[in-house]
Protein backbone atom coordinates (compact mmCIF):
# COMPACT_ATOMS: atom_id res chain seq x y z
CA MET A 1 0.07 3.76 -5.65
CA LYS A 2 -1.19 7.31 -6.00
CA ASN A 3 0.58 10.29 -4.49
CA LYS A 4 -2.53 12.39 -4.03
CA PRO A 5 -4.55 11.41 -0.95
CA LEU A 6 -8.02 10.09 -1.62
CA HIS A 7 -10.61 12.26 0.11
CA VAL A 8 -13.21 9.99 1.67
CA LEU A 9 -16.41 11.15 3.36
CA ALA A 10 -17.92 8.48 5.63
CA ILE A 11 -21.53 9.02 6.65
CA SER A 12 -22.90 6.81 9.42
CA SER A 13 -26.67 6.92 9.79
CA SER A 14 -27.35 3.94 12.03
CA GLY A 15 -28.97 4.74 15.36
CA ARG A 16 -26.76 2.05 16.87
CA LYS A 17 -23.28 2.96 18.01
CA ASP A 18 -22.37 -0.60 19.01
CA GLY A 19 -23.32 -3.69 17.07
CA SER A 20 -24.17 -1.79 13.89
CA ILE A 21 -23.60 -3.85 10.78
CA THR A 22 -23.41 -0.83 8.48
CA ARG A 23 -20.83 0.83 10.72
CA ALA A 24 -18.69 -2.33 10.82
CA LEU A 25 -18.88 -2.95 7.07
CA SER A 26 -18.21 0.72 6.31
CA ALA A 27 -15.07 0.47 8.43
CA ASP A 28 -14.02 -2.63 6.45
CA LEU A 29 -14.58 -0.75 3.19
CA ILE A 30 -12.61 2.29 4.32
CA ALA A 31 -9.73 0.07 5.43
CA ALA A 32 -9.74 -1.64 2.03
CA LEU A 33 -9.76 1.74 0.27
CA GLU A 34 -6.80 2.88 2.36
CA ASP A 35 -4.93 -0.36 1.73
CA HIS A 36 -5.50 -0.06 -2.02
CA HIS A 37 -4.92 3.67 -2.39
CA GLY A 38 -2.13 4.02 0.14
CA SER A 39 -3.22 7.39 1.47
CA ILE A 40 -6.64 8.74 2.34
CA GLN A 41 -7.98 11.80 4.07
CA LEU A 42 -11.03 10.68 5.98
CA VAL A 43 -13.87 12.89 7.17
CA ARG A 44 -16.40 11.17 9.41
CA ARG A 45 -19.92 12.49 9.70
CA ASP A 46 -22.00 10.59 12.24
CA ILE A 47 -25.66 11.48 11.89
CA GLY A 48 -27.02 8.57 13.90
CA ASP A 49 -28.35 10.88 16.60
CA GLY A 50 -30.25 12.90 14.01
CA VAL A 51 -29.97 15.94 11.77
CA PRO A 52 -32.21 19.01 12.12
CA VAL A 53 -35.19 18.85 9.80
CA VAL A 54 -35.98 21.45 7.19
CA ASN A 55 -38.37 23.96 8.75
CA ALA A 56 -39.83 27.36 7.88
CA ALA A 57 -36.76 29.28 9.05
CA TRP A 58 -34.44 27.07 6.97
CA ILE A 59 -36.61 27.41 3.88
CA GLU A 60 -36.72 31.19 4.24
CA ALA A 61 -32.94 31.37 4.63
CA ASN A 62 -32.26 28.99 1.73
CA PHE A 63 -34.48 30.86 -0.70
CA THR A 64 -33.21 34.29 0.27
CA PRO A 65 -30.66 35.51 -2.32
CA ASP A 66 -27.09 35.31 -1.05
CA GLU A 67 -26.63 39.06 -1.03
CA ASN A 68 -29.75 39.58 1.09
CA ARG A 69 -29.09 36.97 3.77
CA THR A 70 -28.90 38.20 7.33
CA ALA A 71 -26.62 36.89 10.06
CA GLN A 72 -29.58 34.86 11.30
CA HIS A 73 -30.04 33.34 7.82
CA LEU A 74 -26.38 32.36 7.71
CA GLN A 75 -26.58 30.81 11.16
CA THR A 76 -29.66 28.84 10.14
CA LEU A 77 -27.82 27.50 7.07
CA ALA A 78 -24.48 26.91 8.81
CA LEU A 79 -24.83 23.16 9.29
CA SER A 80 -26.15 22.72 5.76
CA ALA A 81 -23.19 24.68 4.37
CA GLU A 82 -20.78 22.51 6.38
CA LEU A 83 -22.39 19.29 5.12
CA VAL A 84 -22.37 20.54 1.53
CA GLY A 85 -18.69 21.47 1.84
CA GLU A 86 -17.82 17.97 3.06
CA LEU A 87 -19.62 16.47 0.09
CA GLN A 88 -18.01 18.83 -2.41
CA SER A 89 -14.53 18.05 -1.10
CA ALA A 90 -14.91 14.27 -1.22
CA ASP A 91 -13.63 12.00 -3.97
CA VAL A 92 -15.42 8.99 -2.48
CA ILE A 93 -18.54 8.91 -0.33
CA VAL A 94 -19.26 5.92 1.91
CA ILE A 95 -22.84 5.92 3.19
CA GLY A 96 -23.85 3.48 5.90
CA ALA A 97 -27.59 3.06 5.44
CA PRO A 98 -29.54 0.58 7.53
CA VAL A 99 -33.04 -0.02 6.23
CA TYR A 100 -35.73 1.05 8.67
CA ASN A 101 -39.32 0.21 7.75
CA PHE A 102 -38.44 -0.47 4.11
CA SER A 103 -36.53 2.79 3.56
CA ILE A 104 -33.69 4.91 4.91
CA SER A 105 -33.48 6.39 8.40
CA ALA A 106 -35.01 9.76 9.20
CA ALA A 107 -31.50 11.04 9.94
CA LEU A 108 -30.23 10.15 6.47
CA LYS A 109 -33.29 11.71 4.83
CA SER A 110 -32.65 14.91 6.81
CA TRP A 111 -29.00 14.87 5.70
CA ILE A 112 -30.16 14.61 2.09
CA ASP A 113 -32.51 17.55 2.60
CA MET A 114 -29.59 19.56 3.96
CA VAL A 115 -27.22 18.84 1.04
CA ALA A 116 -29.64 18.90 -1.92
CA ARG A 117 -29.42 22.64 -2.56
CA ALA A 118 -29.96 24.46 -5.81
CA ARG A 119 -26.87 26.33 -7.07
CA LEU A 120 -24.62 24.35 -4.70
CA THR A 121 -25.13 20.66 -5.45
CA PHE A 122 -27.49 20.92 -8.42
CA ARG A 123 -28.79 23.61 -10.74
CA TYR A 124 -31.86 24.12 -12.85
CA THR A 125 -31.49 24.45 -16.63
CA ASP A 126 -33.87 24.74 -19.57
CA ASN A 127 -33.50 20.98 -19.96
CA GLY A 128 -34.14 20.16 -16.32
CA PRO A 129 -31.97 19.88 -13.20
CA VAL A 130 -28.27 19.05 -13.51
CA GLY A 131 -26.16 17.65 -10.68
CA LEU A 132 -23.00 19.56 -9.75
CA LEU A 133 -21.12 16.74 -8.00
CA ALA A 134 -20.05 14.71 -11.03
CA GLY A 135 -16.82 12.71 -10.93
CA LYS A 136 -17.30 11.29 -7.45
CA LYS A 137 -17.84 7.65 -6.46
CA ALA A 138 -20.28 6.49 -3.83
CA TYR A 139 -20.48 3.23 -1.91
CA VAL A 140 -23.77 2.62 -0.13
CA VAL A 141 -23.46 0.02 2.63
CA VAL A 142 -26.92 -1.34 3.35
CA ALA A 143 -28.15 -3.70 6.06
CA THR A 144 -31.67 -5.06 6.37
CA GLY A 145 -33.42 -7.31 8.82
CA GLY A 146 -35.77 -9.04 6.42
CA VAL A 147 -36.04 -6.95 3.26
CA PRO A 148 -34.22 -8.39 0.23
CA VAL A 149 -32.18 -5.59 -1.34
CA GLY A 150 -33.37 -5.00 -4.90
CA SER A 151 -36.82 -6.43 -4.21
CA PRO A 152 -40.13 -4.53 -4.55
CA MET A 153 -40.01 -4.04 -0.76
CA ASP A 154 -36.69 -2.19 -0.97
CA PHE A 155 -37.42 1.53 -1.20
CA ALA A 156 -34.01 2.51 0.21
CA THR A 157 -31.48 1.67 -2.50
CA PRO A 158 -33.50 2.95 -5.52
CA TYR A 159 -34.12 6.20 -3.67
CA LEU A 160 -30.47 6.66 -2.75
CA ARG A 161 -29.37 5.91 -6.32
CA HIS A 162 -31.85 8.47 -7.61
CA VAL A 163 -30.86 11.18 -5.13
CA LEU A 164 -27.15 10.69 -5.73
CA ALA A 165 -27.67 10.79 -9.50
CA PHE A 166 -29.74 13.96 -9.08
CA LEU A 167 -26.68 15.51 -7.43
CA GLY A 168 -24.44 14.25 -10.26
CA ILE A 169 -23.05 11.13 -8.55
CA THR A 170 -23.83 8.29 -10.92
CA ASP A 171 -20.96 5.91 -10.05
CA VAL A 172 -22.69 4.13 -7.17
CA GLU A 173 -22.02 0.68 -5.72
CA ILE A 174 -24.50 -0.97 -3.36
CA ILE A 175 -22.93 -3.28 -0.77
CA ALA A 176 -25.69 -5.28 0.85
CA ALA A 177 -25.91 -7.31 4.03
CA ASP A 178 -29.59 -8.07 3.72
CA ARG A 179 -31.97 -10.35 5.60
CA VAL A 180 -29.64 -10.55 8.57
CA ASN A 181 -32.49 -11.79 10.75
CA SER A 182 -32.33 -15.07 8.84
CA ASN A 183 -28.56 -15.56 8.64
CA ALA A 184 -26.47 -12.68 9.87
CA ALA A 185 -23.07 -14.35 9.54
CA GLU A 186 -23.63 -15.45 5.94
CA SER A 187 -25.07 -12.07 4.97
CA LYS A 188 -22.10 -10.18 6.43
CA ASP A 189 -19.66 -12.57 4.78
CA ARG A 190 -21.30 -11.92 1.40
CA ALA A 191 -20.99 -8.18 1.93
CA ARG A 192 -17.30 -8.48 2.88
CA ALA A 193 -16.67 -10.61 -0.21
CA GLN A 194 -18.36 -7.92 -2.29
CA ILE A 195 -16.11 -5.27 -0.75
CA ALA A 196 -13.01 -7.32 -1.57
CA GLU A 197 -14.19 -7.85 -5.14
CA LEU A 198 -15.00 -4.18 -5.71
CA ILE A 199 -11.61 -3.03 -4.40
CA HIS A 200 -9.87 -5.70 -6.48
CA LEU A 201 -11.69 -4.55 -9.62
CA SER A 202 -10.83 -0.95 -8.76
CA ALA A 203 -7.17 -1.90 -8.46
CA GLU A 204 -7.23 -3.64 -11.85
CA ALA A 205 -8.83 -0.60 -13.47
CA ALA A 206 -6.31 1.82 -11.95
């Protein structure tokens, strides 16, 4: 039992509010984390209804030096700054990521565009970019209709691993309920068993 609360950021990107497998499994994972850790501080960020896309105004504001930003620039970047702050404060990130058309949802891609910001979540060096969010753990809860996770048709999980590593988050676990169109109950049971195993292994390592 740890005295310090575990700061958990839960990102839900499914367009479904009811009947979402990634939402249900993410809730199971968060409950298991709370049961294991004893105390968590949970921030929920539901992006299922969409996140504003990067546009010309956002790009101008983002690339304007801090000291030269106008009130309009700051307003344009306000949501991005809030999302970055949530990510920076988290010890654990739980990302619910249904696979749409072989990849992640447009909402999750827009969230990534909002949080991948030079000097805030990564920086450029002479040896290439370096992520600034090291020391965090991420669980990616994936559900697919017919795509086998880890197959050549799966463009979602390799991309998310790469993006998270780019930001410095290299401790990533993929929890998959894949091919639910064939056998939803069995697929969800496998994912729940994986959650139980991961939390058990985490408890042993603590």
